[in-house]
Amino acid sequence: MTKEHFKSGILFILVISSLGLTFALWTYQPQYEEPGQITYLEETELDGKQKVLKDVVLPDKMIFNQSRQYSMLTSKQEEKQLFNDMSEWTFSEIDQFPTNRSTDVWNPNIELVMPTEVPFNVISRLFNVDELDYEGSDTFNRIFFQLTRGSEERIRVSFTSDVQPNVLNGRVDSVSAYDQLQSYFTENDMTSMERVQLHEDQAKDYVYVTNESISLPEETVLVDRLDRQPLINVLFNNPSLVRQQNSGNSSETYLTDGTRLLRLNDAFGVNQYASYHKPPSQETNSLTHTELLLNSLSHTNDYLGWTDDFRVNQLNESNQVIQYRNHFAGYPIFDRNGYMTMQQEWSNIELQSLSRPLFKLTAPFQQGEMIEIDSGVSVHELLHESSQSISWSLVSDIQLGYDISAGDGLNNVLFLEPTWFIQYAGIWRPLEYFNERITLQEDG
């Protein structure tokens, strides 16, 4: 076929398509919305899903301890599956009241390190516990699954806290559960870990870091922007009164009904991060740890707000604040502006403020090269020995995670780079931040 024949064929197809489109426009009959149909002012779902408590309250780390030889599973997916299995095991008994007596932790054991203090009275929502009527205010942030040393194959489970003396003990009588945990101590695909003390004067103030370098991939992910209207409909009593105001800043948009305020900030290109505030109440009623956790879960479920793998990161009863952090492949995601977090503040049993992304991460677009990450032990030593640049007393945690950034001119693509993060003076910072400070001190 000659080039002229090819062009003629394309022209013929375009003419036929044009005639078809013209006919469709002439014969189009608009379908008007019938009374009772959902309008845009009634849309209250944010394209996420509903979750239960054990979907958002998960351990940061799962450490296997055999005679003080520490390790963790290499696969975060396998780690999450093990936690799901643990949550299904039936507790044959559990104490109804915690004890403040010192309890030795048996060896071998598996230690689950929670990201924050969790109230005892939600244990029955995280594990298969039938009878737990405890109504106190005690909390835990570590769970020890301990294999018995006698002839009976039992698992003692202890819920302990770094900040409170009380311990709650339970027991799982299951041969299959016992054998499953026992098998991990002969597993080859494990990462060697080291327990390091953060502050010598506080015995419980320790973290686990890798004993050797590991490799994790760089990731490229696609992003979907979320419609803001459902969130407006949820947060404002009368969405029809909401008006947009000019902020004088092209990267910010303000929406208000004259009383409540929703600020939308540009995040990673054309995406947005929402911050909502309502006037403070004159009442001073506060929520307990448990109420704060359950109210937050229920509120987010109501508008299908679980758009990503958000997990509880902070639960502060005194400030009435709960914060969730987004995760990718089991690792936390960090950024300098906090766009990877969802935070709620409650006052007088009502939502006072809400901050969350109006975008969600979709399936990975491309896996990049493998990045070799220094051992956590070497990071700990670097920070501890750089007292002229870094105040060691301000270090409260060390974690592996992903640093997220946007590509130039790519509005729907984000890049994830694995690295160490250090919680310093309450703020999570990448290892690069500390390397720069150390270099400046040395050059100065």
Protein backbone atom coordinates (compact mmCIF):
# COMPACT_ATOMS: atom_id res chain seq x y z
CA MET A 1 0.00 0.00 0.00
CA THR A 2 1.33 3.43 -1.00
CA LYS A 3 1.58 6.30 1.45
CA GLU A 4 -1.20 8.12 -0.48
CA HIS A 5 -3.56 5.12 -0.11
CA PHE A 6 -2.78 4.96 3.62
CA LYS A 7 -3.57 8.66 4.05
CA SER A 8 -6.84 8.24 2.13
CA GLY A 9 -7.86 5.39 4.40
CA ILE A 10 -7.18 7.45 7.52
CA LEU A 11 -9.16 10.39 6.06
CA PHE A 12 -12.12 8.10 5.30
CA ILE A 13 -12.16 6.81 8.90
CA LEU A 14 -12.06 10.35 10.28
CA VAL A 15 -14.96 11.44 8.05
CA ILE A 16 -17.10 8.48 9.12
CA SER A 17 -16.24 9.14 12.80
CA SER A 18 -17.23 12.81 12.40
CA LEU A 19 -20.59 11.89 10.86
CA GLY A 20 -21.24 9.42 13.67
CA LEU A 21 -20.42 12.00 16.34
CA THR A 22 -22.69 14.58 14.66
CA PHE A 23 -25.58 12.11 14.60
CA ALA A 24 -25.02 11.26 18.27
CA LEU A 25 -25.14 14.95 19.22
CA TRP A 26 -28.39 15.50 17.27
CA THR A 27 -30.13 12.53 18.82
CA TYR A 28 -28.75 12.93 22.41
CA GLN A 29 -31.43 13.02 25.13
CA PRO A 30 -30.01 14.20 28.48
CA GLN A 31 -30.90 12.08 31.51
CA TYR A 32 -32.01 14.34 34.29
CA GLU A 33 -31.49 13.31 37.89
CA GLU A 34 -34.59 11.89 39.45
CA PRO A 35 -35.64 13.10 42.93
CA GLY A 36 -34.05 10.92 45.59
CA GLN A 37 -30.87 10.20 43.63
CA ILE A 38 -27.57 11.01 45.35
CA THR A 39 -26.32 14.50 44.49
CA TYR A 40 -22.79 15.83 44.83
CA LEU A 41 -23.77 17.37 48.19
CA GLU A 42 -24.68 13.92 49.51
CA GLU A 43 -21.53 12.08 48.45
CA THR A 44 -19.69 11.10 51.63
CA GLU A 45 -17.30 8.35 50.54
CA LEU A 46 -13.63 9.02 49.79
CA ASP A 47 -12.82 6.01 47.59
CA GLY A 48 -11.17 4.09 50.44
CA LYS A 49 -12.33 1.15 52.54
CA GLN A 50 -13.45 0.26 56.04
CA LYS A 51 -11.07 -1.41 58.48
CA VAL A 52 -11.07 -3.05 61.89
CA LEU A 53 -8.69 -2.16 64.71
CA LYS A 54 -6.12 -4.86 64.02
CA ASP A 55 -5.73 -3.51 60.46
CA VAL A 56 -4.37 -0.20 61.76
CA VAL A 57 -2.76 -1.17 65.09
CA LEU A 58 0.22 -3.28 64.05
CA PRO A 59 3.72 -3.80 65.46
CA ASP A 60 6.62 -1.79 64.05
CA LYS A 61 8.96 -4.71 64.58
CA MET A 62 8.73 -8.41 65.37
CA ILE A 63 11.94 -9.61 67.05
CA PHE A 64 12.93 -13.25 67.60
CA ASN A 65 15.09 -13.74 70.69
CA GLN A 66 16.94 -16.96 71.41
CA SER A 67 19.54 -16.66 74.15
CA ARG A 68 19.94 -12.95 73.32
CA GLN A 69 20.58 -13.68 69.66
CA TYR A 70 18.12 -11.37 67.93
CA SER A 71 16.68 -11.60 64.42
CA MET A 72 13.65 -10.62 62.37
CA LEU A 73 11.92 -11.94 59.29
CA THR A 74 13.39 -10.59 56.06
CA SER A 75 9.95 -10.36 54.45
CA LYS A 76 7.60 -7.69 55.83
CA GLN A 77 4.71 -9.47 54.13
CA GLU A 78 5.52 -12.67 56.02
CA GLU A 79 5.81 -10.64 59.25
CA LYS A 80 2.32 -9.20 58.74
CA GLN A 81 0.94 -12.66 57.99
CA LEU A 82 2.43 -13.99 61.24
CA PHE A 83 0.75 -11.17 63.17
CA ASN A 84 -2.56 -12.07 61.49
CA ASP A 85 -2.04 -15.69 62.57
CA MET A 86 -1.29 -14.60 66.14
CA SER A 87 -4.48 -12.55 66.23
CA GLU A 88 -6.49 -15.69 65.42
CA TRP A 89 -4.97 -17.94 68.10
CA THR A 90 -7.42 -18.58 70.93
CA PHE A 91 -6.30 -17.48 74.39
CA SER A 92 -7.12 -20.27 76.84
CA GLU A 93 -6.88 -17.76 79.69
CA ILE A 94 -5.91 -14.17 80.40
CA ASP A 95 -5.58 -12.22 83.63
CA GLN A 96 -8.52 -9.94 84.38
CA PHE A 97 -6.26 -7.46 86.13
CA PRO A 98 -2.64 -6.53 85.44
CA THR A 99 0.04 -7.10 88.05
CA ASN A 100 2.91 -4.78 88.96
CA ARG A 101 5.11 -7.66 90.01
CA SER A 102 8.29 -8.03 88.01
CA THR A 103 7.80 -10.83 85.47
CA ASP A 104 10.74 -12.57 83.84
CA VAL A 105 10.43 -13.01 80.10
CA TRP A 106 10.99 -16.60 79.10
CA ASN A 107 13.41 -17.61 76.39
CA PRO A 108 12.95 -18.18 73.46
CA ASN A 109 10.40 -15.48 72.72
CA ILE A 110 9.03 -13.24 69.99
CA GLU A 111 8.75 -9.57 70.92
CA LEU A 112 6.21 -7.38 69.14
CA VAL A 113 7.21 -3.71 69.39
CA MET A 114 4.18 -1.45 69.03
CA PRO A 115 4.56 2.09 67.62
CA THR A 116 2.84 3.71 70.63
CA GLU A 117 1.18 2.89 73.94
CA VAL A 118 -2.03 0.88 73.36
CA PRO A 119 -4.76 0.48 76.02
CA PHE A 120 -5.17 -2.95 77.64
CA ASN A 121 -8.92 -2.92 77.08
CA VAL A 122 -8.63 -3.20 73.28
CA ILE A 123 -6.67 -6.46 73.51
CA SER A 124 -9.87 -8.39 72.75
CA ARG A 125 -10.16 -6.43 69.48
CA LEU A 126 -6.61 -7.33 68.45
CA PHE A 127 -6.50 -10.96 69.61
CA ASN A 128 -8.91 -13.86 70.05
CA VAL A 129 -9.71 -13.23 73.71
CA ASP A 130 -13.22 -14.10 74.90
CA GLU A 131 -13.21 -12.81 78.46
CA LEU A 132 -11.43 -9.57 79.26
CA ASP A 133 -13.53 -7.10 81.21
CA TYR A 134 -10.68 -4.86 82.31
CA GLU A 135 -11.74 -1.20 82.39
CA GLY A 136 -8.60 0.49 83.73
CA SER A 137 -6.36 2.97 81.94
CA ASP A 138 -3.16 0.89 81.73
CA THR A 139 -1.39 0.55 78.40
CA PHE A 140 1.22 -1.62 76.67
CA ASN A 141 3.72 -1.13 73.88
CA ARG A 142 5.46 -4.52 73.85
CA ILE A 143 4.00 -8.02 73.57
CA PHE A 144 6.09 -11.11 74.34
CA PHE A 145 5.07 -14.51 72.95
CA GLN A 146 7.16 -16.88 75.09
CA LEU A 147 7.61 -20.59 74.47
CA THR A 148 7.35 -22.67 77.65
CA ARG A 149 10.41 -24.57 78.78
CA GLY A 150 8.56 -27.53 80.29
CA SER A 151 6.97 -30.62 78.76
CA GLU A 152 3.75 -28.82 77.83
CA GLU A 153 3.78 -26.92 74.57
CA ARG A 154 2.26 -23.65 75.69
CA ILE A 155 2.77 -20.00 74.85
CA ARG A 156 2.73 -17.37 77.57
CA VAL A 157 1.79 -13.92 76.28
CA SER A 158 2.83 -10.85 78.29
CA PHE A 159 1.66 -7.30 77.56
CA THR A 160 4.17 -4.80 79.00
CA SER A 161 4.89 -1.08 78.86
CA ASP A 162 8.03 1.05 78.81
CA VAL A 163 6.32 3.79 80.83
CA GLN A 164 4.05 1.86 83.22
CA PRO A 165 4.92 -0.96 85.64
CA ASN A 166 1.82 -3.13 85.14
CA VAL A 167 1.93 -6.38 83.16
CA LEU A 168 -0.99 -8.41 81.81
CA ASN A 169 -0.39 -12.12 81.17
CA GLY A 170 -2.30 -14.62 79.08
CA ARG A 171 -1.79 -18.10 77.68
CA VAL A 172 -2.27 -19.85 74.35
CA ASP A 173 -2.62 -23.65 74.53
CA SER A 174 -2.10 -24.67 70.92
CA VAL A 175 0.40 -27.21 69.65
CA SER A 176 0.16 -25.88 66.09
CA ALA A 177 0.78 -22.30 67.24
CA TYR A 178 3.72 -23.45 69.37
CA ASP A 179 5.22 -25.43 66.48
CA GLN A 180 4.76 -22.49 64.12
CA LEU A 181 6.70 -20.13 66.38
CA GLN A 182 9.32 -22.77 67.15
CA SER A 183 9.98 -23.28 63.41
CA TYR A 184 11.05 -19.65 62.96
CA PHE A 185 14.06 -20.16 65.22
CA THR A 186 15.51 -22.53 62.63
CA GLU A 187 14.50 -20.33 59.68
CA ASN A 188 17.36 -19.38 57.39
CA ASP A 189 15.79 -16.32 55.79
CA MET A 190 16.21 -14.04 58.79
CA THR A 191 17.93 -10.69 59.32
CA SER A 192 20.35 -10.46 62.24
CA MET A 193 19.41 -7.71 64.70
CA GLU A 194 21.10 -5.96 67.61
CA ARG A 195 19.46 -4.52 70.70
CA VAL A 196 20.96 -1.09 71.45
CA GLN A 197 20.37 1.09 74.46
CA LEU A 198 19.35 4.66 73.72
CA HIS A 199 19.85 6.11 77.17
CA GLU A 200 21.85 4.31 79.82
CA ASP A 201 19.80 5.63 82.74
CA GLN A 202 16.56 4.15 81.38
CA ALA A 203 16.61 0.35 81.28
CA LYS A 204 13.55 0.00 79.03
CA ASP A 205 14.72 2.64 76.57
CA TYR A 206 16.11 0.41 73.81
CA VAL A 207 15.55 -0.25 70.11
CA TYR A 208 16.44 -2.97 67.64
CA VAL A 209 18.55 -2.23 64.55
CA THR A 210 20.06 -4.39 61.84
CA ASN A 211 23.42 -5.96 62.57
CA GLU A 212 24.58 -5.86 58.98
CA SER A 213 23.84 -3.96 55.78
CA ILE A 214 20.72 -4.93 53.86
CA SER A 215 19.36 -4.11 50.40
CA LEU A 216 15.93 -2.66 49.59
CA PRO A 217 14.66 -1.48 46.20
CA GLU A 218 13.91 2.05 45.12
CA GLU A 219 10.27 2.25 44.08
CA THR A 220 8.23 4.36 41.67
CA VAL A 221 4.50 4.57 42.40
CA LEU A 222 1.54 6.13 40.65
CA VAL A 223 -0.77 8.53 42.48
CA ASP A 224 -4.53 9.05 42.18
CA ARG A 225 -6.01 12.39 43.19
CA LEU A 226 -9.10 12.14 45.41
CA ASP A 227 -12.25 14.23 45.01
CA ARG A 228 -12.48 16.80 47.80
CA GLN A 229 -16.29 17.06 47.77
CA PRO A 230 -16.99 13.95 49.92
CA LEU A 231 -14.65 15.29 52.63
CA ILE A 232 -16.38 18.69 52.49
CA ASN A 233 -19.75 16.96 52.89
CA VAL A 234 -18.49 15.02 55.92
CA LEU A 235 -16.83 17.92 57.73
CA PHE A 236 -19.33 20.76 57.18
CA ASN A 237 -22.87 20.73 58.56
CA ASN A 238 -24.26 22.50 55.49
CA PRO A 239 -21.94 21.95 52.48
CA SER A 240 -24.04 24.25 50.28
CA LEU A 241 -22.81 27.22 52.36
CA VAL A 242 -19.14 26.43 51.79
CA ARG A 243 -17.33 29.03 49.71
CA GLN A 244 -13.79 29.25 48.40
CA GLN A 245 -11.62 32.14 49.55
CA ASN A 246 -8.51 33.55 47.92
CA SER A 247 -5.50 33.03 50.15
CA GLY A 248 -3.08 35.12 48.10
CA ASN A 249 -0.91 32.01 47.78
CA SER A 250 -1.24 29.97 44.60
CA SER A 251 -0.34 26.76 46.44
CA GLU A 252 -3.13 27.15 49.04
CA THR A 253 -6.92 27.11 48.82
CA TYR A 254 -9.31 28.00 51.65
CA LEU A 255 -12.86 26.69 51.96
CA THR A 256 -15.15 27.95 54.74
CA ASP A 257 -18.79 28.20 55.77
CA GLY A 258 -17.98 31.20 57.95
CA THR A 259 -17.25 29.06 60.99
CA ARG A 260 -15.22 26.03 59.98
CA LEU A 261 -12.15 26.10 57.74
CA LEU A 262 -10.67 23.60 55.29
CA ARG A 263 -7.24 24.49 53.92
CA LEU A 264 -5.93 22.65 50.87
CA ASN A 265 -2.17 22.73 50.26
CA ASP A 266 -0.50 21.59 47.07
CA ALA A 267 1.41 18.39 47.75
CA PHE A 268 3.78 16.65 45.34
CA GLY A 269 2.65 18.58 42.28
CA VAL A 270 -1.07 18.79 41.58
CA ASN A 271 -2.11 16.67 44.55
CA GLN A 272 -3.52 18.21 47.72
CA TYR A 273 -3.21 17.81 51.49
CA ALA A 274 -6.25 18.83 53.54
CA SER A 275 -6.24 20.51 56.97
CA TYR A 276 -9.61 21.07 58.66
CA HIS A 277 -10.33 23.10 61.82
CA LYS A 278 -13.47 24.02 63.71
CA PRO A 279 -13.83 26.55 66.56
CA PRO A 280 -12.90 25.11 69.98
CA SER A 281 -15.72 24.01 72.26
CA GLN A 282 -16.33 25.55 75.67
CA GLU A 283 -16.71 22.06 77.15
CA THR A 284 -13.68 20.22 78.49
CA ASN A 285 -14.76 16.57 78.33
CA SER A 286 -11.91 14.34 77.17
CA LEU A 287 -11.75 10.93 75.55
CA THR A 288 -9.86 8.04 77.10
CA HIS A 289 -7.14 6.22 75.14
CA THR A 290 -9.69 3.61 74.11
CA GLU A 291 -12.40 6.11 73.14
CA LEU A 292 -9.92 8.15 71.13
CA LEU A 293 -8.79 5.05 69.24
CA LEU A 294 -12.29 3.69 68.56
CA ASN A 295 -13.88 7.06 67.72
CA SER A 296 -11.09 7.75 65.24
CA LEU A 297 -11.52 4.33 63.63
CA SER A 298 -15.29 4.76 63.38
CA HIS A 299 -15.08 8.27 61.96
CA THR A 300 -12.63 7.23 59.24
CA ASN A 301 -14.75 4.17 58.42
CA ASP A 302 -17.85 6.37 58.02
CA TYR A 303 -16.42 8.14 54.98
CA LEU A 304 -14.26 5.25 53.69
CA GLY A 305 -11.16 7.22 54.55
CA TRP A 306 -8.69 4.32 54.65
CA THR A 307 -7.29 5.08 51.21
CA ASP A 308 -3.80 3.68 51.89
CA ASP A 309 -1.94 1.49 54.38
CA PHE A 310 -2.30 3.92 57.29
CA ARG A 311 -1.23 2.59 60.70
CA VAL A 312 -1.41 4.14 64.15
CA ASN A 313 1.79 6.04 64.80
CA GLN A 314 0.88 8.17 67.83
CA LEU A 315 -1.88 8.06 70.45
CA ASN A 316 -1.79 10.95 72.90
CA GLU A 317 -4.58 11.06 75.48
CA SER A 318 -3.41 14.32 77.10
CA ASN A 319 -3.53 16.21 73.78
CA GLN A 320 -6.47 14.19 72.42
CA VAL A 321 -4.47 13.54 69.25
CA ILE A 322 -4.16 10.38 67.17
CA GLN A 323 -1.86 10.13 64.17
CA TYR A 324 -1.55 7.51 61.44
CA ARG A 325 1.39 7.07 59.05
CA ASN A 326 1.22 5.65 55.54
CA HIS A 327 3.28 2.53 54.79
CA PHE A 328 4.62 0.92 51.64
CA ALA A 329 5.59 -2.76 51.51
CA GLY A 330 5.42 -2.79 55.31
CA TYR A 331 7.83 0.13 55.82
CA PRO A 332 6.79 3.61 57.04
CA ILE A 333 6.89 6.51 54.57
CA PHE A 334 8.34 9.85 55.67
CA ASP A 335 8.46 13.31 54.12
CA ARG A 336 9.48 16.73 55.38
CA ASN A 337 5.96 18.20 55.26
CA GLY A 338 4.04 15.39 56.92
CA TYR A 339 1.97 14.64 53.80
CA MET A 340 2.22 10.90 54.52
CA THR A 341 0.31 11.21 57.81
CA MET A 342 -3.35 11.44 58.77
CA GLN A 343 -3.99 13.18 62.10
CA GLN A 344 -7.11 13.84 64.16
CA GLU A 345 -7.58 16.03 67.21
CA TRP A 346 -10.70 15.59 69.33
CA SER A 347 -12.37 17.97 71.78
CA ASN A 348 -15.50 17.45 73.85
CA ILE A 349 -16.00 14.06 72.15
CA GLU A 350 -16.09 15.76 68.73
CA LEU A 351 -13.61 16.00 65.90
CA GLN A 352 -11.77 19.29 66.36
CA SER A 353 -9.26 19.08 63.49
CA LEU A 354 -8.29 16.68 60.73
CA SER A 355 -5.25 16.59 58.46
CA ARG A 356 -4.94 14.06 55.67
CA PRO A 357 -3.82 13.59 52.05
CA LEU A 358 -6.37 13.99 49.25
CA PHE A 359 -4.50 11.49 47.11
CA LYS A 360 -3.63 7.83 47.35
CA LEU A 361 -0.80 5.63 46.18
CA THR A 362 -1.74 3.03 43.59
CA ALA A 363 0.11 -0.04 42.40
CA PRO A 364 3.89 0.28 42.00
CA PHE A 365 4.79 1.57 38.55
CA GLN A 366 8.39 0.43 38.48
CA GLN A 367 10.92 -1.13 40.83
CA GLY A 368 14.31 0.54 40.63
CA GLU A 369 17.76 -0.60 41.58
CA MET A 370 18.54 -2.24 44.88
CA ILE A 371 20.01 0.17 47.44
CA GLU A 372 22.52 -1.14 49.97
CA ILE A 373 21.70 0.36 53.35
CA ASP A 374 24.29 0.61 56.12
CA SER A 375 23.74 -1.50 59.20
CA GLY A 376 21.66 0.03 61.97
CA VAL A 377 24.52 -0.65 64.37
CA SER A 378 26.82 1.64 62.35
CA VAL A 379 24.12 4.34 62.29
CA HIS A 380 23.74 4.07 66.06
CA GLU A 381 27.51 4.38 66.53
CA LEU A 382 27.72 7.37 64.15
CA LEU A 383 25.04 9.28 66.04
CA HIS A 384 26.34 8.35 69.47
CA GLU A 385 29.90 9.39 68.66
CA SER A 386 28.96 12.74 67.06
CA SER A 387 28.17 14.58 70.27
CA GLN A 388 29.50 17.88 68.93
CA SER A 389 26.94 17.91 66.12
CA ILE A 390 24.08 15.90 67.61
CA SER A 391 22.51 15.87 71.05
CA TRP A 392 22.19 12.14 71.76
CA SER A 393 19.63 12.73 74.51
CA LEU A 394 17.17 13.94 71.83
CA VAL A 395 17.27 10.64 69.91
CA SER A 396 14.22 8.53 70.76
CA ASP A 397 13.94 5.98 67.92
CA ILE A 398 15.68 4.60 64.82
CA GLN A 399 13.76 2.98 61.96
CA LEU A 400 14.10 1.85 58.38
CA GLY A 401 11.65 3.55 56.05
CA TYR A 402 11.04 5.23 52.71
CA ASP A 403 11.80 8.85 51.86
CA ILE A 404 9.21 10.07 49.35
CA SER A 405 9.65 12.76 46.69
CA ALA A 406 8.05 14.00 43.47
CA GLY A 407 9.63 13.94 40.03
CA ASP A 408 10.12 17.11 38.02
CA GLY A 409 7.15 17.62 35.70
CA LEU A 410 5.53 14.30 36.70
CA ASN A 411 2.31 15.06 38.55
CA ASN A 412 1.10 11.52 39.12
CA VAL A 413 4.41 9.80 39.93
CA LEU A 414 6.24 9.62 43.27
CA PHE A 415 9.63 8.12 44.10
CA LEU A 416 10.43 6.10 47.22
CA GLU A 417 14.01 5.72 48.44
CA PRO A 418 14.83 3.41 51.37
CA THR A 419 16.98 4.85 54.16
CA TRP A 420 17.33 5.12 57.93
CA PHE A 421 15.19 7.61 59.84
CA ILE A 422 15.91 8.94 63.31
CA GLN A 423 13.32 10.48 65.63
CA TYR A 424 15.15 13.55 66.89
CA ALA A 425 13.49 16.02 69.28
CA GLY A 426 10.17 14.41 68.32
CA ILE A 427 10.68 14.87 64.55
CA TRP A 428 11.53 12.07 62.11
CA ARG A 429 14.57 12.99 59.99
CA PRO A 430 16.47 11.00 57.35
CA LEU A 431 20.03 9.91 57.99
CA GLU A 432 21.17 12.41 55.33
CA TYR A 433 20.16 15.26 57.66
CA PHE A 434 22.59 14.05 60.33
CA ASN A 435 25.37 13.33 57.83
CA GLU A 436 25.13 16.94 56.65
CA ARG A 437 25.32 18.27 60.20
CA ILE A 438 28.36 16.12 60.96
CA THR A 439 30.08 17.23 57.74
CA LEU A 440 29.43 20.91 58.49
CA GLN A 441 30.89 20.48 61.95
CA GLU A 442 33.99 18.77 60.59
CA ASP A 443 34.47 21.41 57.87
CA GLY A 444 33.96 24.21 60.37
